[in-house]
Each structure stands twice: as structure tokens, then as C-alpha cells.
Amino acid sequence: MRYFAICGGAYAGAWFGNPWWRAAINAWAEETPPPPAEHLDLALDAPNLLDEDGIDWLMEANYAQPFSAAIRRWQLEHGAEEGHLGGGLWFPPGVPELPRRLR
């Protein structure tokens, strides 16, 4: 589990599986609703089941201000410091600390 948290936090901060995913997708959907409305449920819980239109919509989110702003807002609300949002590793409460050799 720690490995997945490290990978998600370090390499894929805006990908499915991170705890802020739902907040980011909902913010994006408010700004730009998905092609069919059912795609929102899939994007939240099973993005691998989206069709091409849904994937295109989801890929656009990664470059949109509402999506990234929702991630930053979620992280700040859950204990991140402003300086940690631009880079480095930050994990939400409950994720085990990294071993000293990996810090």
C-alpha cells in the first residue's frame, strides 16, 4: 500500500486512485459536464470503463484549472502545507511515513 501511495503522490498526483480524485473530477464536471452524464459515475469510480469520448473528456480535465485547483484545495484542507503543493512528496493523513532512507 505504501508503494502505491508513493507512486501516486510522486508520479501521478492527478490520477485515479488518489484520495482527492473525487473532488477534482466533480470540480471538472461542474465546469465542463461529461459527454453523456453517465460518464461522471464512471470517471469517479471506474475510469478504465470509459469509452473514447469519456477518456477525451477525462484527459482534458488534467490540463484544466478547476481540476488542479480542486486537488490543491483538497490537499490544503487535509493538512498539506502550501510549500509542499508544488513538488516533493506529501501524503494525506493515514498513509505511513516513508522509511528514512527514502526521504
PDB file of N, CA and C in Angstrom:
ATOM      1  N   MET A   1       0.832  -1.187   0.000  1.00  0.00           N
ATOM      2  CA  MET A   1       0.000   0.000   0.000  1.00  0.00           C
ATOM      3  C   MET A   1       0.878   1.252   0.000  1.00  0.00           C
ATOM      4  N   ARG A   2       1.968   1.194   0.761  1.00  0.00           N
ATOM      5  CA  ARG A   2       2.862   2.354   0.797  1.00  0.00           C
ATOM      6  C   ARG A   2       3.443   2.617  -0.588  1.00  0.00           C
ATOM      7  N   TYR A   3       3.795   1.547  -1.311  1.00  0.00           N
ATOM      8  CA  TYR A   3       4.342   1.696  -2.652  1.00  0.00           C
ATOM      9  C   TYR A   3       3.355   2.450  -3.551  1.00  0.00           C
ATOM     10  N   PHE A   4       2.072   2.056  -3.505  1.00  0.00           N
ATOM     11  CA  PHE A   4       1.070   2.734  -4.320  1.00  0.00           C
ATOM     12  C   PHE A   4       0.938   4.205  -3.916  1.00  0.00           C
ATOM     13  N   ALA A   5       1.003   4.476  -2.627  1.00  0.00           N
ATOM     14  CA  ALA A   5       0.911   5.859  -2.156  1.00  0.00           C
ATOM     15  C   ALA A   5       2.102   6.673  -2.642  1.00  0.00           C
ATOM     16  N   ILE A   6       3.286   6.082  -2.607  1.00  0.00           N
ATOM     17  CA  ILE A   6       4.485   6.785  -3.076  1.00  0.00           C
ATOM     18  C   ILE A   6       4.367   7.071  -4.565  1.00  0.00           C
ATOM     19  N   CYS A   7       3.985   6.063  -5.332  1.00  0.00           N
ATOM     20  CA  CYS A   7       3.844   6.255  -6.780  1.00  0.00           C
ATOM     21  C   CYS A   7       2.791   7.302  -7.100  1.00  0.00           C
ATOM     22  N   GLY A   8       1.655   7.202  -6.442  1.00  0.00           N
ATOM     23  CA  GLY A   8       0.590   8.158  -6.700  1.00  0.00           C
ATOM     24  C   GLY A   8       0.979   9.573  -6.320  1.00  0.00           C
ATOM     25  N   GLY A   9       1.609   9.723  -5.173  1.00  0.00           N
ATOM     26  CA  GLY A   9       1.993  11.053  -4.721  1.00  0.00           C
ATOM     27  C   GLY A   9       3.130  11.649  -5.509  1.00  0.00           C
ATOM     28  N   ALA A  10       4.071  10.819  -5.944  1.00  0.00           N
ATOM     29  CA  ALA A  10       5.259  11.330  -6.619  1.00  0.00           C
ATOM     30  C   ALA A  10       5.082  11.466  -8.124  1.00  0.00           C
ATOM     31  N   TYR A  11       4.434  10.496  -8.738  1.00  0.00           N
ATOM     32  CA  TYR A  11       4.406  10.464 -10.188  1.00  0.00           C
ATOM     33  C   TYR A  11       3.045  10.754 -10.796  1.00  0.00           C
ATOM     34  N   ALA A  12       2.006  10.555 -10.049  1.00  0.00           N
ATOM     35  CA  ALA A  12       0.674  10.603 -10.642  1.00  0.00           C
ATOM     36  C   ALA A  12      -0.304  11.329  -9.745  1.00  0.00           C
ATOM     37  N   GLY A  13       0.049  12.512  -9.329  1.00  0.00           N
ATOM     38  CA  GLY A  13      -0.776  13.244  -8.387  1.00  0.00           C
ATOM     39  C   GLY A  13      -2.180  13.557  -8.864  1.00  0.00           C
ATOM     40  N   ALA A  14      -2.401  13.552 -10.184  1.00  0.00           N
ATOM     41  CA  ALA A  14      -3.728  13.876 -10.714  1.00  0.00           C
ATOM     42  C   ALA A  14      -4.406  12.654 -11.294  1.00  0.00           C
ATOM     43  N   TRP A  15      -4.002  11.473 -10.888  1.00  0.00           N
ATOM     44  CA  TRP A  15      -4.572  10.245 -11.442  1.00  0.00           C
ATOM     45  C   TRP A  15      -5.565   9.609 -10.505  1.00  0.00           C
ATOM     46  N   PHE A  16      -6.401   8.756 -11.090  1.00  0.00           N
ATOM     47  CA  PHE A  16      -7.382   7.974 -10.353  1.00  0.00           C
ATOM     48  C   PHE A  16      -6.685   7.167  -9.259  1.00  0.00           C
ATOM     49  N   GLY A  17      -7.329   7.109  -8.130  1.00  0.00           N
ATOM     50  CA  GLY A  17      -6.781   6.355  -7.007  1.00  0.00           C
ATOM     51  C   GLY A  17      -6.277   7.235  -5.883  1.00  0.00           C
ATOM     52  N   ASN A  18      -5.955   8.482  -6.197  1.00  0.00           N
ATOM     53  CA  ASN A  18      -5.542   9.394  -5.142  1.00  0.00           C
ATOM     54  C   ASN A  18      -6.782   9.855  -4.374  1.00  0.00           C
ATOM     55  N   PRO A  19      -6.633  10.153  -3.102  1.00  0.00           N
ATOM     56  CA  PRO A  19      -7.824  10.477  -2.295  1.00  0.00           C
ATOM     57  C   PRO A  19      -8.546  11.751  -2.725  1.00  0.00           C
ATOM     58  N   TRP A  20      -7.896  12.617  -3.452  1.00  0.00           N
ATOM     59  CA  TRP A  20      -8.517  13.865  -3.900  1.00  0.00           C
ATOM     60  C   TRP A  20      -9.175  13.722  -5.271  1.00  0.00           C
ATOM     61  N   TRP A  21      -9.149  12.538  -5.844  1.00  0.00           N
ATOM     62  CA  TRP A  21      -9.703  12.308  -7.176  1.00  0.00           C
ATOM     63  C   TRP A  21     -11.158  12.751  -7.301  1.00  0.00           C
ATOM     64  N   ARG A  22     -12.000  12.349  -6.369  1.00  0.00           N
ATOM     65  CA  ARG A  22     -13.432  12.669  -6.451  1.00  0.00           C
ATOM     66  C   ARG A  22     -13.652  14.183  -6.450  1.00  0.00           C
ATOM     67  N   ALA A  23     -12.936  14.890  -5.595  1.00  0.00           N
ATOM     68  CA  ALA A  23     -13.093  16.350  -5.536  1.00  0.00           C
ATOM     69  C   ALA A  23     -12.684  16.988  -6.862  1.00  0.00           C
ATOM     70  N   ALA A  24     -11.601  16.509  -7.441  1.00  0.00           N
ATOM     71  CA  ALA A  24     -11.110  17.079  -8.697  1.00  0.00           C
ATOM     72  C   ALA A  24     -12.057  16.781  -9.854  1.00  0.00           C
ATOM     73  N   ILE A  25     -12.549  15.558  -9.943  1.00  0.00           N
ATOM     74  CA  ILE A  25     -13.458  15.191 -11.028  1.00  0.00           C
ATOM     75  C   ILE A  25     -14.778  15.945 -10.903  1.00  0.00           C
ATOM     76  N   ASN A  26     -15.293  16.063  -9.689  1.00  0.00           N
ATOM     77  CA  ASN A  26     -16.548  16.803  -9.509  1.00  0.00           C
ATOM     78  C   ASN A  26     -16.377  18.272  -9.883  1.00  0.00           C
ATOM     79  N   ALA A  27     -15.239  18.871  -9.539  1.00  0.00           N
ATOM     80  CA  ALA A  27     -14.983  20.269  -9.911  1.00  0.00           C
ATOM     81  C   ALA A  27     -14.910  20.412 -11.432  1.00  0.00           C
ATOM     82  N   TRP A  28     -14.260  19.470 -12.095  1.00  0.00           N
ATOM     83  CA  TRP A  28     -14.161  19.495 -13.552  1.00  0.00           C
ATOM     84  C   TRP A  28     -15.547  19.311 -14.185  1.00  0.00           C
ATOM     85  N   ALA A  29     -16.353  18.403 -13.638  1.00  0.00           N
ATOM     86  CA  ALA A  29     -17.682  18.141 -14.194  1.00  0.00           C
ATOM     87  C   ALA A  29     -18.603  19.359 -14.045  1.00  0.00           C
ATOM     88  N   GLU A  30     -18.431  20.128 -12.981  1.00  0.00           N
ATOM     89  CA  GLU A  30     -19.226  21.355 -12.823  1.00  0.00           C
ATOM     90  C   GLU A  30     -18.860  22.363 -13.903  1.00  0.00           C
ATOM     91  N   GLU A  31     -17.579  22.449 -14.227  1.00  0.00           N
ATOM     92  CA  GLU A  31     -17.086  23.382 -15.249  1.00  0.00           C
ATOM     93  C   GLU A  31     -17.433  22.885 -16.658  1.00  0.00           C
ATOM     94  N   THR A  32     -17.186  21.606 -16.906  1.00  0.00           N
ATOM     95  CA  THR A  32     -17.381  21.010 -18.218  1.00  0.00           C
ATOM     96  C   THR A  32     -18.046  19.649 -18.036  1.00  0.00           C
ATOM     97  N   PRO A  33     -19.358  19.578 -18.126  1.00  0.00           N
ATOM     98  CA  PRO A  33     -20.045  18.299 -17.931  1.00  0.00           C
ATOM     99  C   PRO A  33     -19.562  17.246 -18.932  1.00  0.00           C
ATOM    100  N   PRO A  34     -19.530  15.994 -18.515  1.00  0.00           N
ATOM    101  CA  PRO A  34     -19.073  14.934 -19.422  1.00  0.00           C
ATOM    102  C   PRO A  34     -20.048  14.735 -20.580  1.00  0.00           C
ATOM    103  N   PRO A  35     -19.559  14.147 -21.693  1.00  0.00           N
ATOM    104  CA  PRO A  35     -20.409  13.972 -22.885  1.00  0.00           C
ATOM    105  C   PRO A  35     -21.774  13.383 -22.527  1.00  0.00           C
ATOM    106  N   PRO A  36     -21.909  12.105 -22.145  1.00  0.00           N
ATOM    107  CA  PRO A  36     -23.160  11.697 -21.520  1.00  0.00           C
ATOM    108  C   PRO A  36     -22.976  11.771 -20.006  1.00  0.00           C
ATOM    109  N   ALA A  37     -24.023  12.103 -19.307  1.00  0.00           N
ATOM    110  CA  ALA A  37     -23.946  12.285 -17.855  1.00  0.00           C
ATOM    111  C   ALA A  37     -23.451  11.035 -17.131  1.00  0.00           C
ATOM    112  N   GLU A  38     -23.701   9.849 -17.684  1.00  0.00           N
ATOM    113  CA  GLU A  38     -23.267   8.608 -17.031  1.00  0.00           C
ATOM    114  C   GLU A  38     -21.751   8.520 -16.915  1.00  0.00           C
ATOM    115  N   HIS A  39     -21.044   9.253 -17.747  1.00  0.00           N
ATOM    116  CA  HIS A  39     -19.585   9.210 -17.697  1.00  0.00           C
ATOM    117  C   HIS A  39     -19.031   9.750 -16.378  1.00  0.00           C
ATOM    118  N   LEU A  40     -19.796  10.600 -15.719  1.00  0.00           N
ATOM    119  CA  LEU A  40     -19.319  11.116 -14.439  1.00  0.00           C
ATOM    120  C   LEU A  40     -19.172   9.984 -13.426  1.00  0.00           C
ATOM    121  N   ASP A  41     -20.161   9.122 -13.321  1.00  0.00           N
ATOM    122  CA  ASP A  41     -20.061   7.999 -12.384  1.00  0.00           C
ATOM    123  C   ASP A  41     -18.879   7.097 -12.718  1.00  0.00           C
ATOM    124  N   LEU A  42     -18.671   6.833 -13.993  1.00  0.00           N
ATOM    125  CA  LEU A  42     -17.534   6.002 -14.387  1.00  0.00           C
ATOM    126  C   LEU A  42     -16.214   6.698 -14.079  1.00  0.00           C
ATOM    127  N   ALA A  43     -16.137   7.991 -14.352  1.00  0.00           N
ATOM    128  CA  ALA A  43     -14.902   8.727 -14.082  1.00  0.00           C
ATOM    129  C   ALA A  43     -14.565   8.718 -12.595  1.00  0.00           C
ATOM    130  N   LEU A  44     -15.578   8.750 -11.756  1.00  0.00           N
ATOM    131  CA  LEU A  44     -15.351   8.754 -10.309  1.00  0.00           C
ATOM    132  C   LEU A  44     -14.896   7.404  -9.782  1.00  0.00           C
ATOM    133  N   ASP A  45     -15.455   6.333 -10.301  1.00  0.00           N
ATOM    134  CA  ASP A  45     -15.233   5.019  -9.699  1.00  0.00           C
ATOM    135  C   ASP A  45     -14.567   3.978 -10.590  1.00  0.00           C
ATOM    136  N   ALA A  46     -14.620   4.145 -11.890  1.00  0.00           N
ATOM    137  CA  ALA A  46     -14.058   3.136 -12.796  1.00  0.00           C
ATOM    138  C   ALA A  46     -13.677   3.774 -14.132  1.00  0.00           C
ATOM    139  N   PRO A  47     -12.724   4.697 -14.138  1.00  0.00           N
ATOM    140  CA  PRO A  47     -12.398   5.396 -15.382  1.00  0.00           C
ATOM    141  C   PRO A  47     -11.899   4.467 -16.491  1.00  0.00           C
ATOM    142  N   ASN A  48     -11.431   3.289 -16.123  1.00  0.00           N
ATOM    143  CA  ASN A  48     -10.982   2.337 -17.133  1.00  0.00           C
ATOM    144  C   ASN A  48     -12.136   1.820 -17.998  1.00  0.00           C
ATOM    145  N   LEU A  49     -13.371   2.062 -17.593  1.00  0.00           N
ATOM    146  CA  LEU A  49     -14.533   1.613 -18.362  1.00  0.00           C
ATOM    147  C   LEU A  49     -15.097   2.697 -19.289  1.00  0.00           C
ATOM    148  N   LEU A  50     -14.489   3.871 -19.301  1.00  0.00           N
ATOM    149  CA  LEU A  50     -14.975   4.953 -20.161  1.00  0.00           C
ATOM    150  C   LEU A  50     -14.736   4.634 -21.633  1.00  0.00           C
ATOM    151  N   ASP A  51     -15.630   5.136 -22.494  1.00  0.00           N
ATOM    152  CA  ASP A  51     -15.406   4.997 -23.933  1.00  0.00           C
ATOM    153  C   ASP A  51     -14.480   6.127 -24.393  1.00  0.00           C
ATOM    154  N   GLU A  52     -14.241   6.221 -25.686  1.00  0.00           N
ATOM    155  CA  GLU A  52     -13.285   7.213 -26.194  1.00  0.00           C
ATOM    156  C   GLU A  52     -13.689   8.640 -25.851  1.00  0.00           C
ATOM    157  N   ASP A  53     -14.974   8.964 -25.968  1.00  0.00           N
ATOM    158  CA  ASP A  53     -15.423  10.317 -25.634  1.00  0.00           C
ATOM    159  C   ASP A  53     -15.191  10.617 -24.157  1.00  0.00           C
ATOM    160  N   GLY A  54     -15.468   9.646 -23.308  1.00  0.00           N
ATOM    161  CA  GLY A  54     -15.242   9.827 -21.877  1.00  0.00           C
ATOM    162  C   GLY A  54     -13.780   9.985 -21.544  1.00  0.00           C
ATOM    163  N   ILE A  55     -12.931   9.225 -22.206  1.00  0.00           N
ATOM    164  CA  ILE A  55     -11.485   9.342 -21.973  1.00  0.00           C
ATOM    165  C   ILE A  55     -10.988  10.704 -22.426  1.00  0.00           C
ATOM    166  N   ASP A  56     -11.464  11.170 -23.595  1.00  0.00           N
ATOM    167  CA  ASP A  56     -11.071  12.507 -24.063  1.00  0.00           C
ATOM    168  C   ASP A  56     -11.479  13.574 -23.047  1.00  0.00           C
ATOM    169  N   TRP A  57     -12.697  13.459 -22.537  1.00  0.00           N
ATOM    170  CA  TRP A  57     -13.188  14.419 -21.540  1.00  0.00           C
ATOM    171  C   TRP A  57     -12.309  14.371 -20.283  1.00  0.00           C
ATOM    172  N   LEU A  58     -11.965  13.160 -19.861  1.00  0.00           N
ATOM    173  CA  LEU A  58     -11.139  12.989 -18.671  1.00  0.00           C
ATOM    174  C   LEU A  58      -9.728  13.532 -18.892  1.00  0.00           C
ATOM    175  N   MET A  59      -9.172  13.339 -20.067  1.00  0.00           N
ATOM    176  CA  MET A  59      -7.823  13.842 -20.356  1.00  0.00           C
ATOM    177  C   MET A  59      -7.792  15.365 -20.361  1.00  0.00           C
ATOM    178  N   GLU A  60      -8.854  15.993 -20.826  1.00  0.00           N
ATOM    179  CA  GLU A  60      -8.935  17.451 -20.797  1.00  0.00           C
ATOM    180  C   GLU A  60      -8.880  17.974 -19.365  1.00  0.00           C
ATOM    181  N   ALA A  61      -9.454  17.230 -18.445  1.00  0.00           N
ATOM    182  CA  ALA A  61      -9.501  17.659 -17.045  1.00  0.00           C
ATOM    183  C   ALA A  61      -8.108  17.888 -16.491  1.00  0.00           C
ATOM    184  N   ASN A  62      -7.163  17.046 -16.851  1.00  0.00           N
ATOM    185  CA  ASN A  62      -5.812  17.131 -16.311  1.00  0.00           C
ATOM    186  C   ASN A  62      -5.157  18.478 -16.585  1.00  0.00           C
ATOM    187  N   TYR A  63      -5.586  19.162 -17.628  1.00  0.00           N
ATOM    188  CA  TYR A  63      -4.988  20.450 -18.000  1.00  0.00           C
ATOM    189  C   TYR A  63      -5.869  21.634 -17.630  1.00  0.00           C
ATOM    190  N   ALA A  64      -6.954  21.370 -16.921  1.00  0.00           N
ATOM    191  CA  ALA A  64      -7.912  22.422 -16.604  1.00  0.00           C
ATOM    192  C   ALA A  64      -7.688  22.988 -15.199  1.00  0.00           C
ATOM    193  N   GLN A  65      -7.860  24.274 -15.067  1.00  0.00           N
ATOM    194  CA  GLN A  65      -7.665  24.955 -13.793  1.00  0.00           C
ATOM    195  C   GLN A  65      -8.599  24.451 -12.706  1.00  0.00           C
ATOM    196  N   PRO A  66      -9.886  24.216 -12.973  1.00  0.00           N
ATOM    197  CA  PRO A  66     -10.767  23.738 -11.889  1.00  0.00           C
ATOM    198  C   PRO A  66     -10.310  22.392 -11.311  1.00  0.00           C
ATOM    199  N   PHE A  67      -9.786  21.523 -12.162  1.00  0.00           N
ATOM    200  CA  PHE A  67      -9.317  20.203 -11.734  1.00  0.00           C
ATOM    201  C   PHE A  67      -8.109  20.340 -10.806  1.00  0.00           C
ATOM    202  N   SER A  68      -7.093  21.079 -11.242  1.00  0.00           N
ATOM    203  CA  SER A  68      -5.885  21.227 -10.416  1.00  0.00           C
ATOM    204  C   SER A  68      -6.162  22.060  -9.162  1.00  0.00           C
ATOM    205  N   ALA A  69      -7.042  23.052  -9.264  1.00  0.00           N
ATOM    206  CA  ALA A  69      -7.378  23.856  -8.090  1.00  0.00           C
ATOM    207  C   ALA A  69      -8.093  23.004  -7.040  1.00  0.00           C
ATOM    208  N   ALA A  70      -8.960  22.092  -7.487  1.00  0.00           N
ATOM    209  CA  ALA A  70      -9.666  21.209  -6.547  1.00  0.00           C
ATOM    210  C   ALA A  70      -8.689  20.278  -5.838  1.00  0.00           C
ATOM    211  N   ILE A  71      -7.668  19.807  -6.544  1.00  0.00           N
ATOM    212  CA  ILE A  71      -6.651  18.958  -5.903  1.00  0.00           C
ATOM    213  C   ILE A  71      -5.913  19.742  -4.833  1.00  0.00           C
ATOM    214  N   ARG A  72      -5.466  20.948  -5.170  1.00  0.00           N
ATOM    215  CA  ARG A  72      -4.743  21.779  -4.186  1.00  0.00           C
ATOM    216  C   ARG A  72      -5.622  22.095  -2.984  1.00  0.00           C
ATOM    217  N   ARG A  73      -6.869  22.427  -3.244  1.00  0.00           N
ATOM    218  CA  ARG A  73      -7.796  22.750  -2.151  1.00  0.00           C
ATOM    219  C   ARG A  73      -7.982  21.539  -1.238  1.00  0.00           C
ATOM    220  N   TRP A  74      -8.175  20.362  -1.800  1.00  0.00           N
ATOM    221  CA  TRP A  74      -8.342  19.139  -1.010  1.00  0.00           C
ATOM    222  C   TRP A  74      -7.094  18.902  -0.168  1.00  0.00           C
ATOM    223  N   GLN A  75      -5.940  19.029  -0.760  1.00  0.00           N
ATOM    224  CA  GLN A  75      -4.700  18.781  -0.025  1.00  0.00           C
ATOM    225  C   GLN A  75      -4.534  19.769   1.132  1.00  0.00           C
ATOM    226  N   LEU A  76      -4.816  21.034   0.895  1.00  0.00           N
ATOM    227  CA  LEU A  76      -4.705  22.027   1.966  1.00  0.00           C
ATOM    228  C   LEU A  76      -5.693  21.737   3.089  1.00  0.00           C
ATOM    229  N   GLU A  77      -6.896  21.332   2.736  1.00  0.00           N
ATOM    230  CA  GLU A  77      -7.912  21.005   3.745  1.00  0.00           C
ATOM    231  C   GLU A  77      -7.545  19.761   4.552  1.00  0.00           C
ATOM    232  N   HIS A  78      -6.630  18.950   4.043  1.00  0.00           N
ATOM    233  CA  HIS A  78      -6.246  17.710   4.708  1.00  0.00           C
ATOM    234  C   HIS A  78      -4.814  17.732   5.230  1.00  0.00           C
ATOM    235  N   GLY A  79      -4.290  18.917   5.466  1.00  0.00           N
ATOM    236  CA  GLY A  79      -3.039  19.031   6.191  1.00  0.00           C
ATOM    237  C   GLY A  79      -1.781  19.346   5.411  1.00  0.00           C
ATOM    238  N   ALA A  80      -1.875  19.495   4.100  1.00  0.00           N
ATOM    239  CA  ALA A  80      -0.672  19.859   3.345  1.00  0.00           C
ATOM    240  C   ALA A  80      -0.320  21.314   3.632  1.00  0.00           C
ATOM    241  N   GLU A  81       0.946  21.612   3.569  1.00  0.00           N
ATOM    242  CA  GLU A  81       1.392  22.997   3.682  1.00  0.00           C
ATOM    243  C   GLU A  81       1.535  23.552   2.275  1.00  0.00           C
ATOM    244  N   GLU A  82       1.300  24.841   2.121  1.00  0.00           N
ATOM    245  CA  GLU A  82       1.338  25.478   0.801  1.00  0.00           C
ATOM    246  C   GLU A  82       2.629  25.160   0.053  1.00  0.00           C
ATOM    247  N   GLY A  83       3.746  25.142   0.738  1.00  0.00           N
ATOM    248  CA  GLY A  83       5.031  24.886   0.096  1.00  0.00           C
ATOM    249  C   GLY A  83       5.195  23.479  -0.435  1.00  0.00           C
ATOM    250  N   HIS A  84       4.403  22.527   0.039  1.00  0.00           N
ATOM    251  CA  HIS A  84       4.521  21.144  -0.417  1.00  0.00           C
ATOM    252  C   HIS A  84       3.677  20.843  -1.642  1.00  0.00           C
ATOM    253  N   LEU A  85       2.857  21.787  -2.065  1.00  0.00           N
ATOM    254  CA  LEU A  85       1.942  21.501  -3.165  1.00  0.00           C
ATOM    255  C   LEU A  85       2.623  21.530  -4.523  1.00  0.00           C
ATOM    256  N   GLY A  86       3.716  22.246  -4.640  1.00  0.00           N
ATOM    257  CA  GLY A  86       4.374  22.363  -5.932  1.00  0.00           C
ATOM    258  C   GLY A  86       5.273  21.201  -6.271  1.00  0.00           C
ATOM    259  N   GLY A  87       5.627  20.402  -5.351  1.00  0.00           N
ATOM    260  CA  GLY A  87       6.515  19.294  -5.641  1.00  0.00           C
ATOM    261  C   GLY A  87       6.871  18.567  -4.367  1.00  0.00           C
ATOM    262  N   GLY A  88       7.680  17.579  -4.499  1.00  0.00           N
ATOM    263  CA  GLY A  88       8.034  16.786  -3.342  1.00  0.00           C
ATOM    264  C   GLY A  88       6.904  15.842  -2.990  1.00  0.00           C
ATOM    265  N   LEU A  89       7.124  15.046  -2.004  1.00  0.00           N
ATOM    266  CA  LEU A  89       6.131  14.063  -1.613  1.00  0.00           C
ATOM    267  C   LEU A  89       5.294  14.590  -0.464  1.00  0.00           C
ATOM    268  N   TRP A  90       4.017  14.441  -0.575  1.00  0.00           N
ATOM    269  CA  TRP A  90       3.093  14.738   0.509  1.00  0.00           C
ATOM    270  C   TRP A  90       1.996  13.706   0.448  1.00  0.00           C
ATOM    271  N   PHE A  91       1.699  13.112   1.576  1.00  0.00           N
ATOM    272  CA  PHE A  91       0.653  12.103   1.642  1.00  0.00           C
ATOM    273  C   PHE A  91      -0.375  12.526   2.660  1.00  0.00           C
ATOM    274  N   PRO A  92      -1.628  12.238   2.396  1.00  0.00           N
ATOM    275  CA  PRO A  92      -2.681  12.598   3.343  1.00  0.00           C
ATOM    276  C   PRO A  92      -2.552  11.797   4.628  1.00  0.00           C
ATOM    277  N   PRO A  93      -3.215  12.260   5.672  1.00  0.00           N
ATOM    278  CA  PRO A  93      -3.173  11.538   6.943  1.00  0.00           C
ATOM    279  C   PRO A  93      -3.583  10.086   6.758  1.00  0.00           C
ATOM    280  N   GLY A  94      -2.911   9.206   7.476  1.00  0.00           N
ATOM    281  CA  GLY A  94      -3.219   7.787   7.401  1.00  0.00           C
ATOM    282  C   GLY A  94      -2.254   7.000   6.543  1.00  0.00           C
ATOM    283  N   VAL A  95      -1.517   7.676   5.655  1.00  0.00           N
ATOM    284  CA  VAL A  95      -0.520   6.977   4.851  1.00  0.00           C
ATOM    285  C   VAL A  95       0.750   6.878   5.699  1.00  0.00           C
ATOM    286  N   PRO A  96       1.324   5.691   5.828  1.00  0.00           N
ATOM    287  CA  PRO A  96       2.510   5.531   6.677  1.00  0.00           C
ATOM    288  C   PRO A  96       3.664   6.412   6.226  1.00  0.00           C
ATOM    289  N   GLU A  97       4.477   6.824   7.170  1.00  0.00           N
ATOM    290  CA  GLU A  97       5.670   7.616   6.866  1.00  0.00           C
ATOM    291  C   GLU A  97       6.624   6.806   6.006  1.00  0.00           C
ATOM    292  N   LEU A  98       7.356   7.502   5.149  1.00  0.00           N
ATOM    293  CA  LEU A  98       8.383   6.839   4.363  1.00  0.00           C
ATOM    294  C   LEU A  98       9.535   6.419   5.272  1.00  0.00           C
ATOM    295  N   PRO A  99      10.182   5.308   4.943  1.00  0.00           N
ATOM    296  CA  PRO A  99      11.391   4.967   5.689  1.00  0.00           C
ATOM    297  C   PRO A  99      12.418   6.086   5.519  1.00  0.00           C
ATOM    298  N   ARG A 100      13.261   6.305   6.516  1.00  0.00           N
ATOM    299  CA  ARG A 100      14.217   7.401   6.494  1.00  0.00           C
ATOM    300  C   ARG A 100      15.062   7.398   5.221  1.00  0.00           C
ATOM    301  N   ARG A 101      15.451   6.220   4.733  1.00  0.00           N
ATOM    302  CA  ARG A 101      16.323   6.144   3.561  1.00  0.00           C
ATOM    303  C   ARG A 101      15.634   6.652   2.284  1.00  0.00           C
ATOM    304  N   LEU A 102      14.321   6.754   2.273  1.00  0.00           N
ATOM    305  CA  LEU A 102      13.601   7.235   1.097  1.00  0.00           C
ATOM    306  C   LEU A 102      13.186   8.699   1.197  1.00  0.00           C
ATOM    307  N   ARG A 103      13.445   9.329   2.309  1.00  0.00           N
ATOM    308  CA  ARG A 103      13.046  10.730   2.460  1.00  0.00           C
ATOM    309  C   ARG A 103      14.014  11.653   1.806  1.00  0.00           C
TER     310      ARG A 103
END
